[in-house]
């Protein structure tokens, strides 16, 4: 079953977050990368507490894929 929901927890002015989103777009292609949801961890206290120190975090259908940098090997398991 293909992954239908990609989610990146991010924050403003985060160079690691921007790098992960760029690399993810390259891997997924423009059509799929346009559907990636990006949520700012600082917009919600619960998210900030859970993910605040380890952004960016990539989830696929709610499952943790990787944090900090795109792990292409782990990502491949979801493609």
N, C-alpha and C. Protein backbone atom coordinates (compact mmCIF):
# COMPACT_ATOMS: atom_id res chain seq x y z
N UNK A 1 0.84 -1.18 0.00
CA UNK A 1 0.00 0.00 0.00
C UNK A 1 0.89 1.25 0.00
N UNK A 2 0.71 2.14 -0.97
CA UNK A 2 1.57 3.32 -1.04
C UNK A 2 1.27 4.32 0.08
N UNK A 3 2.29 5.07 0.44
CA UNK A 3 2.13 6.10 1.45
C UNK A 3 1.28 7.22 0.88
N UNK A 4 0.33 7.68 1.65
CA UNK A 4 -0.53 8.75 1.16
C UNK A 4 -0.31 10.06 1.91
N UNK A 5 0.27 10.02 3.09
CA UNK A 5 0.45 11.24 3.87
C UNK A 5 1.89 11.40 4.33
N UNK A 6 2.53 12.46 3.88
CA UNK A 6 3.87 12.82 4.34
C UNK A 6 3.74 14.05 5.21
N UNK A 7 4.42 14.05 6.34
CA UNK A 7 4.36 15.17 7.27
C UNK A 7 5.77 15.49 7.76
N UNK A 8 6.12 16.77 7.72
CA UNK A 8 7.40 17.21 8.25
C UNK A 8 7.13 18.21 9.37
N UNK A 9 7.64 17.90 10.54
CA UNK A 9 7.62 18.87 11.64
C UNK A 9 8.85 19.74 11.46
N UNK A 10 8.63 21.04 11.46
CA UNK A 10 9.66 21.99 11.11
C UNK A 10 9.56 23.20 12.03
N UNK A 11 10.39 24.21 11.76
CA UNK A 11 10.26 25.51 12.42
C UNK A 11 10.83 26.56 11.48
N UNK A 12 10.42 27.78 11.68
CA UNK A 12 10.89 28.87 10.84
C UNK A 12 12.39 29.07 11.00
N UNK A 13 13.00 29.49 9.92
CA UNK A 13 14.44 29.80 9.90
C UNK A 13 15.31 28.63 10.34
N UNK A 14 14.93 27.43 9.96
CA UNK A 14 15.67 26.22 10.30
C UNK A 14 16.34 25.70 9.03
N UNK A 15 17.65 25.84 8.96
CA UNK A 15 18.36 25.41 7.75
C UNK A 15 18.28 23.90 7.54
N UNK A 16 18.30 23.12 8.62
CA UNK A 16 18.15 21.67 8.48
C UNK A 16 16.77 21.32 7.92
N UNK A 17 15.75 22.04 8.36
CA UNK A 17 14.39 21.80 7.87
C UNK A 17 14.29 22.10 6.38
N UNK A 18 14.84 23.24 5.98
CA UNK A 18 14.82 23.62 4.57
C UNK A 18 15.57 22.60 3.72
N UNK A 19 16.70 22.12 4.21
CA UNK A 19 17.48 21.13 3.47
C UNK A 19 16.71 19.82 3.33
N UNK A 20 16.05 19.38 4.41
CA UNK A 20 15.29 18.13 4.33
C UNK A 20 14.14 18.28 3.33
N UNK A 21 13.44 19.40 3.35
CA UNK A 21 12.33 19.60 2.43
C UNK A 21 12.79 19.62 0.98
N UNK A 22 13.92 20.25 0.70
CA UNK A 22 14.48 20.26 -0.66
C UNK A 22 14.83 18.85 -1.12
N UNK A 23 15.52 18.12 -0.25
CA UNK A 23 15.94 16.76 -0.62
C UNK A 23 14.74 15.84 -0.77
N UNK A 24 13.76 15.99 0.11
CA UNK A 24 12.54 15.19 0.02
C UNK A 24 11.82 15.46 -1.29
N UNK A 25 11.77 16.72 -1.71
CA UNK A 25 11.13 17.07 -2.98
C UNK A 25 11.85 16.42 -4.15
N UNK A 26 13.17 16.35 -4.08
CA UNK A 26 13.94 15.70 -5.15
C UNK A 26 13.61 14.21 -5.23
N UNK A 27 13.49 13.57 -4.08
CA UNK A 27 13.23 12.13 -4.06
C UNK A 27 11.78 11.81 -4.45
N UNK A 28 10.84 12.57 -3.92
CA UNK A 28 9.43 12.27 -4.16
C UNK A 28 8.92 12.77 -5.51
N UNK A 29 9.57 13.78 -6.05
CA UNK A 29 9.11 14.38 -7.30
C UNK A 29 8.10 15.48 -7.01
N UNK A 30 7.86 16.33 -8.00
CA UNK A 30 7.03 17.52 -7.77
C UNK A 30 5.58 17.23 -7.41
N UNK A 31 4.99 16.22 -8.02
CA UNK A 31 3.58 15.93 -7.75
C UNK A 31 3.36 15.48 -6.32
N UNK A 32 4.18 14.55 -5.83
CA UNK A 32 4.02 14.04 -4.47
C UNK A 32 4.52 15.06 -3.45
N UNK A 33 5.63 15.73 -3.75
CA UNK A 33 6.18 16.68 -2.77
C UNK A 33 5.23 17.85 -2.53
N UNK A 34 4.37 18.14 -3.51
CA UNK A 34 3.39 19.21 -3.33
C UNK A 34 2.35 18.85 -2.27
N UNK A 35 2.24 17.56 -1.94
CA UNK A 35 1.25 17.13 -0.95
C UNK A 35 1.85 16.97 0.45
N UNK A 36 3.15 17.21 0.59
CA UNK A 36 3.80 17.09 1.89
C UNK A 36 3.28 18.19 2.82
N UNK A 37 2.78 17.78 3.96
CA UNK A 37 2.29 18.75 4.95
C UNK A 37 3.46 19.16 5.84
N UNK A 38 3.60 20.44 6.08
CA UNK A 38 4.66 20.96 6.93
C UNK A 38 3.99 21.68 8.10
N UNK A 39 4.30 21.24 9.31
CA UNK A 39 3.74 21.86 10.51
C UNK A 39 4.87 22.44 11.35
N UNK A 40 4.67 23.65 11.81
CA UNK A 40 5.64 24.33 12.66
C UNK A 40 5.47 23.82 14.09
N UNK A 41 6.53 23.27 14.65
CA UNK A 41 6.44 22.72 16.01
C UNK A 41 6.17 23.81 17.03
N UNK A 42 6.53 25.04 16.72
CA UNK A 42 6.36 26.12 17.68
C UNK A 42 4.93 26.65 17.74
N UNK A 43 4.06 26.17 16.84
CA UNK A 43 2.66 26.59 16.84
C UNK A 43 1.81 25.84 17.86
N UNK A 44 2.35 24.79 18.45
CA UNK A 44 1.58 23.97 19.38
C UNK A 44 2.48 23.52 20.53
N UNK A 45 2.12 23.83 21.77
CA UNK A 45 2.97 23.47 22.91
C UNK A 45 3.27 21.97 23.01
N UNK A 46 2.30 21.13 22.70
CA UNK A 46 2.52 19.68 22.78
C UNK A 46 3.53 19.23 21.73
N UNK A 47 3.39 19.75 20.51
CA UNK A 47 4.36 19.42 19.44
C UNK A 47 5.73 19.96 19.78
N UNK A 48 5.77 21.15 20.34
CA UNK A 48 7.05 21.75 20.69
C UNK A 48 7.76 20.91 21.74
N UNK A 49 7.00 20.43 22.71
CA UNK A 49 7.60 19.59 23.75
C UNK A 49 8.09 18.26 23.18
N UNK A 50 7.32 17.67 22.28
CA UNK A 50 7.66 16.35 21.74
C UNK A 50 8.77 16.41 20.69
N UNK A 51 8.71 17.40 19.80
CA UNK A 51 9.63 17.43 18.66
C UNK A 51 10.56 18.63 18.64
N UNK A 52 10.39 19.58 19.53
CA UNK A 52 11.08 20.85 19.47
C UNK A 52 12.58 20.79 19.35
N UNK A 53 13.21 19.85 19.97
CA UNK A 53 14.67 19.77 19.93
C UNK A 53 15.22 18.90 18.82
N UNK A 54 14.35 18.23 18.08
CA UNK A 54 14.89 17.34 17.05
C UNK A 54 14.30 17.57 15.67
N UNK A 55 13.92 18.80 15.37
CA UNK A 55 13.42 19.09 14.03
C UNK A 55 14.57 19.18 13.04
N UNK A 56 14.31 18.86 11.80
CA UNK A 56 13.05 18.41 11.25
C UNK A 56 12.80 16.93 11.54
N UNK A 57 11.53 16.58 11.56
CA UNK A 57 11.11 15.19 11.75
C UNK A 57 10.19 14.84 10.59
N UNK A 58 10.45 13.70 9.95
CA UNK A 58 9.62 13.23 8.84
C UNK A 58 8.80 12.05 9.29
N UNK A 59 7.48 12.13 9.02
CA UNK A 59 6.56 11.03 9.29
C UNK A 59 5.91 10.60 7.98
N UNK A 60 5.67 9.32 7.84
CA UNK A 60 4.95 8.77 6.70
C UNK A 60 3.73 8.02 7.24
N UNK A 61 2.55 8.50 6.90
CA UNK A 61 1.31 7.94 7.42
C UNK A 61 1.36 7.80 8.94
N UNK A 62 1.92 8.80 9.59
CA UNK A 62 1.98 8.83 11.05
C UNK A 62 3.13 8.07 11.67
N UNK A 63 3.92 7.39 10.86
CA UNK A 63 5.05 6.63 11.38
C UNK A 63 6.35 7.42 11.23
N UNK A 64 7.18 7.40 12.26
CA UNK A 64 8.46 8.09 12.23
C UNK A 64 9.35 7.49 11.15
N UNK A 65 9.91 8.36 10.32
CA UNK A 65 10.86 7.93 9.30
C UNK A 65 12.27 8.36 9.69
N UNK A 66 12.46 9.65 9.96
CA UNK A 66 13.78 10.13 10.32
C UNK A 66 13.69 11.53 10.92
N UNK A 67 14.81 11.96 11.49
CA UNK A 67 14.91 13.30 12.06
C UNK A 67 16.26 13.90 11.69
N UNK A 68 16.33 15.20 11.73
CA UNK A 68 17.54 15.99 11.46
C UNK A 68 17.92 16.02 9.99
N UNK A 69 18.18 14.87 9.39
CA UNK A 69 18.55 14.78 7.98
C UNK A 69 17.74 13.67 7.34
N UNK A 70 17.49 13.82 6.04
CA UNK A 70 16.73 12.81 5.33
C UNK A 70 17.53 11.52 5.25
N UNK A 71 16.96 10.45 5.76
CA UNK A 71 17.58 9.13 5.69
C UNK A 71 16.98 8.43 4.48
N UNK A 72 17.71 8.48 3.38
CA UNK A 72 17.18 7.92 2.12
C UNK A 72 16.92 6.42 2.21
N UNK A 73 17.70 5.72 2.98
CA UNK A 73 17.50 4.28 3.13
C UNK A 73 16.17 3.99 3.84
N UNK A 74 15.90 4.69 4.93
CA UNK A 74 14.63 4.51 5.63
C UNK A 74 13.46 5.01 4.77
N UNK A 75 13.68 6.10 4.06
CA UNK A 75 12.64 6.64 3.19
C UNK A 75 12.26 5.64 2.10
N UNK A 76 13.25 4.95 1.55
CA UNK A 76 12.99 3.97 0.48
C UNK A 76 12.03 2.88 0.92
N UNK A 77 12.04 2.54 2.19
CA UNK A 77 11.13 1.51 2.70
C UNK A 77 9.67 1.94 2.60
N UNK A 78 9.42 3.25 2.51
CA UNK A 78 8.05 3.77 2.44
C UNK A 78 7.61 4.09 1.02
N UNK A 79 8.51 3.97 0.07
CA UNK A 79 8.17 4.29 -1.32
C UNK A 79 7.68 3.08 -2.08
